[in-house]
Protein backbone atom coordinates (compact mmCIF):
# COMPACT_ATOMS: atom_id res chain seq x y z
CA UNK A 1 239.72 245.97 63.91
CA UNK A 2 243.09 246.50 65.82
CA UNK A 3 242.91 245.39 69.06
CA UNK A 4 244.93 247.37 71.98
CA UNK A 5 245.67 244.08 74.48
CA UNK A 6 249.05 242.81 73.10
CA UNK A 7 249.05 239.57 71.69
CA UNK A 8 250.66 237.49 74.18
CA UNK A 9 248.71 238.41 77.19
CA UNK A 10 245.31 237.98 75.33
CA UNK A 11 246.35 234.04 74.42
CA UNK A 12 247.51 233.46 78.02
CA UNK A 13 244.16 235.28 79.00
CA UNK A 14 241.86 232.98 76.67
CA UNK A 15 244.01 229.75 77.93
CA UNK A 16 243.20 230.70 82.02
CA UNK A 17 239.52 232.28 81.70
CA UNK A 18 236.03 230.68 81.86
CA UNK A 19 234.28 232.50 79.64
CA UNK A 20 230.88 233.77 81.18
CA UNK A 21 227.74 233.27 79.57
CA UNK A 22 226.51 236.68 78.78
CA UNK A 23 222.85 235.83 77.67
CA UNK A 24 222.44 233.70 80.69
CA UNK A 25 222.36 237.39 82.53
CA UNK A 26 219.51 238.42 80.46
CA UNK A 27 215.87 237.57 81.55
CA UNK A 28 214.71 235.46 78.34
CA UNK A 29 210.85 235.84 79.98
CA UNK A 30 210.86 239.49 79.55
CA UNK A 31 212.07 238.91 75.77
CA UNK A 32 209.49 238.94 72.92
CA UNK A 33 207.84 235.85 72.07
CA UNK A 34 206.68 236.27 68.85
CA UNK A 35 208.26 233.61 66.17
CA UNK A 36 210.70 235.96 64.28
CA UNK A 37 212.14 237.28 67.43
CA UNK A 38 212.79 233.66 68.71
CA UNK A 39 214.10 232.57 65.39
CA UNK A 40 216.65 235.51 65.88
CA UNK A 41 217.24 234.55 69.48
CA UNK A 42 218.22 231.00 68.72
CA UNK A 43 220.47 231.96 66.40
CA UNK A 44 222.32 234.09 68.66
CA UNK A 45 222.10 231.32 71.25
CA UNK A 46 223.46 228.72 68.33
CA UNK A 47 226.89 231.02 68.03
CA UNK A 48 227.42 232.04 71.44
CA UNK A 49 229.76 229.93 71.84
CA UNK A 50 232.18 230.85 69.00
CA UNK A 51 231.73 234.77 69.69
CA UNK A 52 231.45 235.81 73.52
CA UNK A 53 235.40 235.81 73.38
CA UNK A 54 237.90 237.21 70.83
CA UNK A 55 239.25 234.15 69.04
CA UNK A 56 243.40 233.89 67.84
CA UNK A 57 242.83 231.12 65.86
CA UNK A 58 239.12 230.36 63.94
CA UNK A 59 238.49 226.77 63.66
CA UNK A 60 234.44 226.42 63.91
CA UNK A 61 232.54 224.88 61.37
CA UNK A 62 230.52 228.15 60.47
CA UNK A 63 233.00 231.03 59.23
CA UNK A 64 233.37 234.10 60.62
CA UNK A 65 231.98 236.35 57.44
CA UNK A 66 229.00 233.55 58.06
CA UNK A 67 228.43 234.44 61.62
CA UNK A 68 229.05 238.41 61.20
CA UNK A 69 226.63 238.51 58.52
CA UNK A 70 223.97 237.02 60.69
CA UNK A 71 224.47 238.96 63.91
CA UNK A 72 224.72 242.15 61.45
CA UNK A 73 221.50 241.27 60.15
CA UNK A 74 219.89 240.74 63.86
CA UNK A 75 221.65 243.61 65.51
CA UNK A 76 219.25 246.26 62.81
CA UNK A 77 216.02 243.80 63.97
CA UNK A 78 217.22 244.30 67.81
CA UNK A 79 217.25 248.19 66.83
CA UNK A 80 214.26 248.03 65.23
CA UNK A 81 212.10 246.17 68.26
CA UNK A 82 214.23 248.55 70.97
CA UNK A 83 212.84 251.51 68.55
CA UNK A 84 209.33 249.69 69.13
CA UNK A 85 209.70 248.55 73.43
CA UNK A 86 211.87 251.23 74.81
CA UNK A 87 211.15 250.60 78.31
CA UNK A 88 212.39 246.77 78.17
CA UNK A 89 215.74 246.70 79.41
CA UNK A 90 216.28 243.30 78.49
CA UNK A 91 216.31 244.44 74.85
CA UNK A 92 218.79 247.05 75.28
CA UNK A 93 220.73 244.27 76.58
CA UNK A 94 220.79 241.97 73.87
CA UNK A 95 221.66 245.04 71.86
CA UNK A 96 224.66 244.92 74.30
CA UNK A 97 225.80 241.32 73.73
CA UNK A 98 225.39 241.33 70.06
CA UNK A 99 227.98 244.71 69.93
CA UNK A 100 230.46 242.89 71.71
CA UNK A 101 230.17 239.67 69.56
CA UNK A 102 230.34 241.77 66.59
CA UNK A 103 232.93 243.32 68.31
CA UNK A 104 234.74 240.20 68.82
CA UNK A 105 234.45 239.12 65.08
CA UNK A 106 236.68 241.93 64.35
CA UNK A 107 233.12 243.57 62.63
CA UNK A 108 234.33 247.27 61.33
CA UNK A 109 232.45 249.90 63.64
CA UNK A 110 230.58 247.53 65.84
CA UNK A 111 231.59 249.96 68.43
CA UNK A 112 230.92 253.08 67.04
CA UNK A 113 228.15 254.97 69.28
CA UNK A 114 228.36 252.37 71.75
CA UNK A 115 229.64 255.01 74.61
CA UNK A 116 226.09 256.98 74.07
CA UNK A 117 224.66 253.79 73.82
CA UNK A 118 225.08 252.80 77.18
CA UNK A 119 224.44 256.14 78.48
CA UNK A 120 220.93 256.41 77.36
CA UNK A 121 220.48 253.24 78.74
CA UNK A 122 222.24 253.74 82.10
CA UNK A 123 219.50 256.68 82.30
CA UNK A 124 216.60 254.87 81.00
CA UNK A 125 217.29 252.19 83.47
CA UNK A 126 219.76 253.47 86.30
CA UNK A 127 218.74 250.77 89.17
CA UNK A 128 219.70 248.19 86.82
CA UNK A 129 223.38 247.06 87.52
CA UNK A 130 223.89 244.90 84.09
CA UNK A 131 224.58 248.05 82.18
CA UNK A 132 227.91 249.64 83.34
CA UNK A 133 228.44 245.63 84.45
CA UNK A 134 228.23 244.49 80.54
CA UNK A 135 229.86 247.63 79.32
CA UNK A 136 232.76 247.09 82.21
CA UNK A 137 233.75 243.89 80.93
CA UNK A 138 233.42 244.96 76.96
CA UNK A 139 235.95 247.71 77.88
CA UNK A 140 238.14 245.17 79.48
CA UNK A 141 237.98 242.75 76.87
CA UNK A 142 238.62 245.29 74.05
CA UNK A 143 242.07 246.97 76.41
CA UNK A 144 240.92 249.47 77.65
CA UNK A 145 241.37 248.43 81.45
CA UNK A 146 241.69 251.93 82.57
CA UNK A 147 237.85 252.85 81.57
CA UNK A 148 236.61 249.41 82.52
CA UNK A 149 237.43 249.52 86.44
CA UNK A 150 235.49 253.30 86.21
CA UNK A 151 232.46 250.93 85.00
CA UNK A 152 232.86 248.94 87.69
CA UNK A 153 233.77 250.82 90.24
CA UNK A 154 230.71 253.03 89.55
CA UNK A 155 228.61 250.42 90.25
CA UNK A 156 230.53 249.51 93.55
CA UNK A 157 230.15 253.13 95.05
CA UNK A 158 226.32 253.44 93.81
CA UNK A 159 225.25 249.98 95.16
CA UNK A 160 223.93 249.54 98.14
CA UNK A 161 225.45 246.28 98.73
CA UNK A 162 228.12 245.31 96.89
CA UNK A 163 227.87 241.97 98.81
CA UNK A 164 223.99 241.39 97.07
CA UNK A 165 225.86 241.44 93.58
CA UNK A 166 226.45 238.13 91.72
CA UNK A 167 229.22 235.34 91.56
CA UNK A 168 229.40 236.40 87.55
CA UNK A 169 229.65 240.14 88.07
CA UNK A 170 232.95 239.32 91.00
CA UNK A 171 234.03 236.82 87.77
CA UNK A 172 234.09 239.50 85.56
CA UNK A 173 235.47 242.54 87.74
CA UNK A 174 238.38 239.61 88.96
CA UNK A 175 238.85 239.28 85.32
CA UNK A 176 239.07 243.26 84.34
CA UNK A 177 241.31 244.05 87.36
CA UNK A 178 243.92 240.90 86.13
CA UNK A 179 244.04 242.46 83.10
CA UNK A 180 244.48 246.07 84.24
CA UNK A 181 247.56 244.80 86.60
CA UNK A 182 245.78 244.85 89.59
CA UNK A 183 246.68 241.50 90.98
CA UNK A 184 245.19 241.94 94.65
CA UNK A 185 242.15 243.53 93.43
CA UNK A 186 241.79 240.43 90.98
CA UNK A 187 242.25 238.04 93.45
CA UNK A 188 239.86 239.74 96.24
CA UNK A 189 237.20 239.66 93.77
CA UNK A 190 237.85 236.14 92.69
CA UNK A 191 237.65 235.38 96.67
CA UNK A 192 233.91 237.15 96.96
CA UNK A 193 233.15 234.92 94.09
CA UNK A 194 234.33 231.55 95.31
CA UNK A 195 232.49 232.44 98.55
CA UNK A 196 229.21 232.91 96.63
CA UNK A 197 229.62 229.68 94.90
CA UNK A 198 231.27 228.07 98.09
CA UNK A 199 234.27 226.81 96.22
CA UNK A 200 238.13 227.06 96.66
CA UNK A 201 239.42 230.33 95.52
CA UNK A 202 241.92 228.58 93.88
CA UNK A 203 238.85 226.85 91.58
CA UNK A 204 239.85 230.32 89.35
CA UNK A 205 242.54 229.31 87.36
CA UNK A 206 243.27 233.21 86.57
CA UNK A 207 243.44 233.76 90.93
CA UNK A 208 246.10 231.42 91.33
CA UNK A 209 247.86 233.30 87.56
CA UNK A 210 247.46 236.13 89.82
CA UNK A 211 248.56 234.86 93.27
CA UNK A 212 251.57 233.93 91.66
CA UNK A 213 252.69 237.50 90.67
CA UNK A 214 252.78 238.61 94.11
CA UNK A 215 255.62 237.60 96.25
CA UNK A 216 256.21 237.85 100.05
CA UNK A 217 258.82 240.19 100.96
CA UNK A 218 261.15 239.24 103.88
CA UNK A 219 261.13 242.14 106.41
CA UNK A 220 265.11 241.85 106.89
CA UNK A 221 265.98 241.62 103.39
CA UNK A 222 267.11 243.88 100.71
CA UNK A 223 265.87 245.19 97.49
CA UNK A 224 267.12 246.97 94.29
CA UNK A 225 265.03 250.37 93.69
CA UNK A 226 262.79 248.51 91.07
CA UNK A 227 261.91 245.91 93.00
CA UNK A 228 260.77 248.60 95.29
CA UNK A 229 259.18 251.32 93.52
CA UNK A 230 257.54 251.38 90.35
CA UNK A 231 256.59 254.42 88.07
CA UNK A 232 252.98 253.96 86.38
CA UNK A 233 250.71 255.19 84.54
CA UNK A 234 247.35 255.08 84.80
CA UNK A 235 244.68 257.75 82.37
CA UNK A 236 247.01 260.31 81.72
CA UNK A 237 248.53 260.83 85.10
CA UNK A 238 251.80 259.27 86.51
CA UNK A 239 251.91 257.94 89.79
CA UNK A 240 254.99 256.46 92.21
CA UNK A 241 254.27 253.81 93.76
CA UNK A 242 254.85 251.13 96.28
CA UNK A 243 253.30 248.18 97.07
CA UNK A 244 256.15 246.96 99.78
CA UNK A 245 255.44 250.34 101.79
CA UNK A 246 252.02 251.41 101.35
CA UNK A 247 252.49 254.75 98.87
CA UNK A 248 251.06 255.97 96.10
CA UNK A 249 251.46 259.27 94.87
CA UNK A 250 250.87 261.46 92.07
CA UNK A 251 253.75 262.71 89.98
CA UNK A 252 254.37 264.21 86.51
CA UNK A 253 256.10 262.53 83.52
CA UNK A 254 258.90 266.08 83.53
CA UNK A 255 259.95 265.02 86.78
CA UNK A 256 263.47 264.16 87.39
CA UNK A 257 263.34 260.88 89.52
CA UNK A 258 265.50 259.03 91.66
CA UNK A 259 265.13 255.92 93.25
CA UNK A 260 267.19 254.23 96.16
CA UNK A 261 267.65 250.67 96.97
CA UNK A 262 266.37 249.40 100.24
CA UNK A 263 268.82 248.46 102.76
CA UNK A 264 269.15 248.46 106.42
CA UNK A 265 265.08 248.77 106.43
CA UNK A 266 265.41 252.26 104.80
CA UNK A 267 264.98 253.46 101.00
CA UNK A 268 264.37 256.82 99.36
CA UNK A 269 263.37 258.72 96.42
CA UNK A 270 263.74 262.43 95.50
CA UNK A 271 261.77 263.88 93.17
CA UNK A 272 263.24 266.84 91.49
CA UNK A 273 260.40 269.04 89.42
CA UNK A 274 261.43 271.79 86.89
CA UNK A 275 262.93 274.89 88.15
CA UNK A 276 260.98 277.56 89.45
CA UNK A 277 260.90 280.66 88.31
CA UNK A 278 261.24 283.76 91.27
CA UNK A 279 259.71 287.21 91.32
CA UNK A 280 263.46 288.33 91.07
CA UNK A 281 264.05 285.83 88.01
CA UNK A 282 265.98 283.72 89.32
CA UNK A 283 265.38 279.74 88.53
CA UNK A 284 265.40 277.55 91.38
CA UNK A 285 265.66 273.87 92.21
CA UNK A 286 263.49 272.29 95.01
CA UNK A 287 263.60 268.98 96.39
CA UNK A 288 260.98 266.57 97.43
CA UNK A 289 262.09 264.15 99.80
CA UNK A 290 260.24 260.40 100.81
CA UNK A 291 262.40 258.69 103.10
CA UNK A 292 261.09 255.58 104.10
CA UNK A 293 261.97 253.58 107.87
CA UNK A 294 260.73 250.01 108.81
CA UNK A 295 262.81 249.30 111.75
CA UNK A 296 262.05 248.44 115.07
CA UNK A 297 261.67 252.49 115.67
CA UNK A 298 258.01 253.92 117.25
CA UNK A 299 256.95 257.16 115.15
CA UNK A 300 258.47 259.86 117.54
CA UNK A 301 262.00 258.58 117.14
CA UNK A 302 261.25 258.00 113.47
CA UNK A 303 260.83 262.09 113.02
CA UNK A 304 263.37 262.92 115.64
CA UNK A 305 265.96 261.90 113.25
CA UNK A 306 264.53 265.14 110.71
CA UNK A 307 263.86 267.37 113.67
CA UNK A 308 266.47 270.97 112.95
CA UNK A 309 266.57 274.15 113.61
CA UNK A 310 264.15 276.03 112.38
CA UNK A 311 261.25 273.44 112.86
CA UNK A 312 257.86 273.92 114.23
CA UNK A 313 254.95 271.62 114.25
CA UNK A 314 251.87 272.91 112.64
CA UNK A 315 247.92 271.70 113.02
CA UNK A 316 248.50 267.61 112.06
CA UNK A 317 246.59 266.21 109.11
CA UNK A 318 244.59 263.24 108.21
CA UNK A 319 244.60 261.40 104.91
CA UNK A 320 241.37 258.91 104.79
CA UNK A 321 241.65 258.91 108.61
CA UNK A 322 245.32 258.11 109.33
CA UNK A 323 247.18 260.93 111.19
CA UNK A 324 250.02 262.83 109.44
CA UNK A 325 252.15 265.07 111.94
CA UNK A 326 253.47 268.29 110.25
CA UNK A 327 256.34 270.51 110.56
CA UNK A 328 257.07 273.94 108.75
CA UNK A 329 260.73 274.72 108.69
CA UNK A 330 262.35 278.41 108.21
CA UNK A 331 265.99 279.11 108.68
CA UNK A 332 267.18 282.21 107.51
CA UNK A 333 270.70 280.80 107.50
CA UNK A 334 270.49 277.87 105.01
CA UNK A 335 269.97 279.30 101.55
CA UNK A 336 270.30 283.18 102.30
CA UNK A 337 271.51 283.83 98.70
CA UNK A 338 267.55 283.07 97.70
CA UNK A 339 265.93 284.34 101.37
CA UNK A 340 266.48 281.34 103.26
CA UNK A 341 265.49 278.23 103.83
CA UNK A 342 261.33 277.09 103.90
CA UNK A 343 259.95 274.02 103.55
CA UNK A 344 257.41 271.41 105.24
CA UNK A 345 257.64 267.84 106.56
CA UNK A 346 254.79 265.38 106.97
CA UNK A 347 255.34 261.95 108.96
CA UNK A 348 253.10 259.04 109.60
CA UNK A 349 253.44 255.85 110.05
CA UNK A 350 251.56 252.70 108.42
CA UNK A 351 250.35 249.38 110.05
CA UNK A 352 250.13 246.29 107.39
CA UNK A 353 246.49 244.77 107.10
CA UNK A 354 244.89 241.75 105.23
CA UNK A 355 243.52 245.07 102.82
CA UNK A 356 247.06 246.56 102.15
CA UNK A 357 247.85 247.67 98.39
CA UNK A 358 243.88 247.44 97.20
CA UNK A 359 243.94 251.23 97.10
CA UNK A 360 247.15 251.68 96.01
CA UNK A 361 246.38 249.59 92.38
CA UNK A 362 245.37 251.25 89.46
CA UNK A 363 244.51 250.04 86.02
CA UNK A 364 246.97 250.08 83.61
CA UNK A 365 247.18 250.08 80.48
CA UNK A 366 249.21 247.39 78.08
CA UNK A 367 251.59 248.88 76.14
CA UNK A 368 252.06 247.68 72.29
CA UNK A 369 255.48 247.15 73.03
CA UNK A 370 256.54 245.26 75.96
CA UNK A 371 259.15 247.03 76.45
CA UNK A 372 258.02 249.92 77.22
CA UNK A 373 258.84 252.30 79.98
CA UNK A 374 255.63 252.23 82.27
CA UNK A 375 254.90 248.42 81.68
CA UNK A 376 255.24 247.31 85.30
CA UNK A 377 256.54 243.76 85.59
CA UNK A 378 254.71 240.74 86.22
CA UNK A 379 255.73 240.01 89.28
CA UNK A 380 255.61 242.38 92.27
CA UNK A 381 255.77 242.50 96.07
CA UNK A 382 253.43 242.51 98.68
CA UNK A 383 253.28 244.91 101.82
CA UNK A 384 255.40 243.83 104.12
CA UNK A 385 254.57 242.41 107.71
CA UNK A 386 255.54 245.24 109.50
CA UNK A 387 255.06 249.06 110.26
CA UNK A 388 256.44 251.38 107.76
CA UNK A 389 257.32 255.20 108.87
CA UNK A 390 257.10 257.45 105.94
CA UNK A 391 258.65 261.08 105.86
CA UNK A 392 257.46 263.18 102.84
CA UNK A 393 259.98 266.28 103.01
CA UNK A 394 259.90 269.63 100.89
CA UNK A 395 263.06 271.13 100.81
CA UNK A 396 262.44 274.80 99.08
CA UNK A 397 263.28 278.10 99.76
CA UNK A 398 261.40 281.80 100.66
CA UNK A 399 261.86 282.82 97.28
CA UNK A 400 259.96 280.05 95.72
CA UNK A 401 257.97 278.49 98.43
CA UNK A 402 254.73 279.06 97.47
CA UNK A 403 255.09 277.99 94.22
CA UNK A 404 256.65 275.19 95.63
CA UNK A 405 254.53 274.24 98.53
CA UNK A 406 251.26 274.09 96.16
CA UNK A 407 253.09 270.91 94.03
CA UNK A 408 253.73 269.60 97.51
CA UNK A 409 250.15 269.72 98.52
CA UNK A 410 249.32 268.42 95.62
CA UNK A 411 251.36 265.28 96.19
CA UNK A 412 250.04 264.73 99.65
CA UNK A 413 246.29 265.75 98.56
CA UNK A 414 246.62 262.93 96.27
CA UNK A 415 248.37 260.60 97.94
CA UNK A 416 246.73 257.31 99.07
CA UNK A 417 248.59 255.52 101.67
CA UNK A 418 247.81 251.71 103.50
């Protein structure tokens, strides 16, 4: 069975992760107590240390084939017990563990119909957090970080109090975040686990590894455009993101994108979607410009630099409670051959906080080729410890204003700032 996590990353993870004991999260006292079941369960316990992770170099007393045959037989047996006692969640969870073990053994079709199995279990036991938790952990180990994080976050959003979740959960979630290239979220998750266990967070080697990926920026320094900006892909969506400035916006993979370095506490990006066709048949290009300024000025002074003829302030909006000042720009003397200029400008200012960057991170698929175009470098800069002013400017014209405004609005509605 092909593993989608690249081998070099997986080998590194193997070296720093202490594996959680899946079986310990099953209420053994609620499992059947007949001799046949107990014997099968003891077999699972006996081999769990060999198969609760994917082993790249097998060096155990039992062969893979021997264990695989044992677990396939036991898995079929558990299916029979589930059919006789469908109201027992512990049996279902044991089946989930067996699927994970067989997957780690490269057993053909180990995870066939797994999605449907989890969906049914979640429907039958909607208040049991272990099903999305176990499934998320499996998906993470299987190199499917986008789906894995979705399962964990589904649980977090549904749970009345995330603080009541056990340390084991936060450890598995932290591992999933790390594998999904979300180091800040990984650190936060391991911090919760460490607090619950009353140990230092650096007791977790993976948390320490995540910390080493995040560099502290100098607000008076210069940064290359590759250090300041990242283009990432999460699921089927592309994003332009900057941890340095606290911004993430959705983009399209067919846009032309020009990234600028950071100098004199300023930076910029120019987004150029494919040309739009006007009602008169003209193909007209538009630009969406993002300007960044973290100099020692206030919001009003930042905005004043961009005020021009034909601008009027429109109703202000908010993004997750963050106030945004907006202007509409109409100037018939600019671009007169295409109906005159007609654009929009949105301005906001961001203050740093200890949580800055957590919402920006999104799970990314580890590329099969480490030279892949959307593979983010291991290290990344943290959020600037300074207020950042952001302007998002639509440079368009009257003939394609409605079409260009739709693109602009989609960017703003999908944007995250923090």
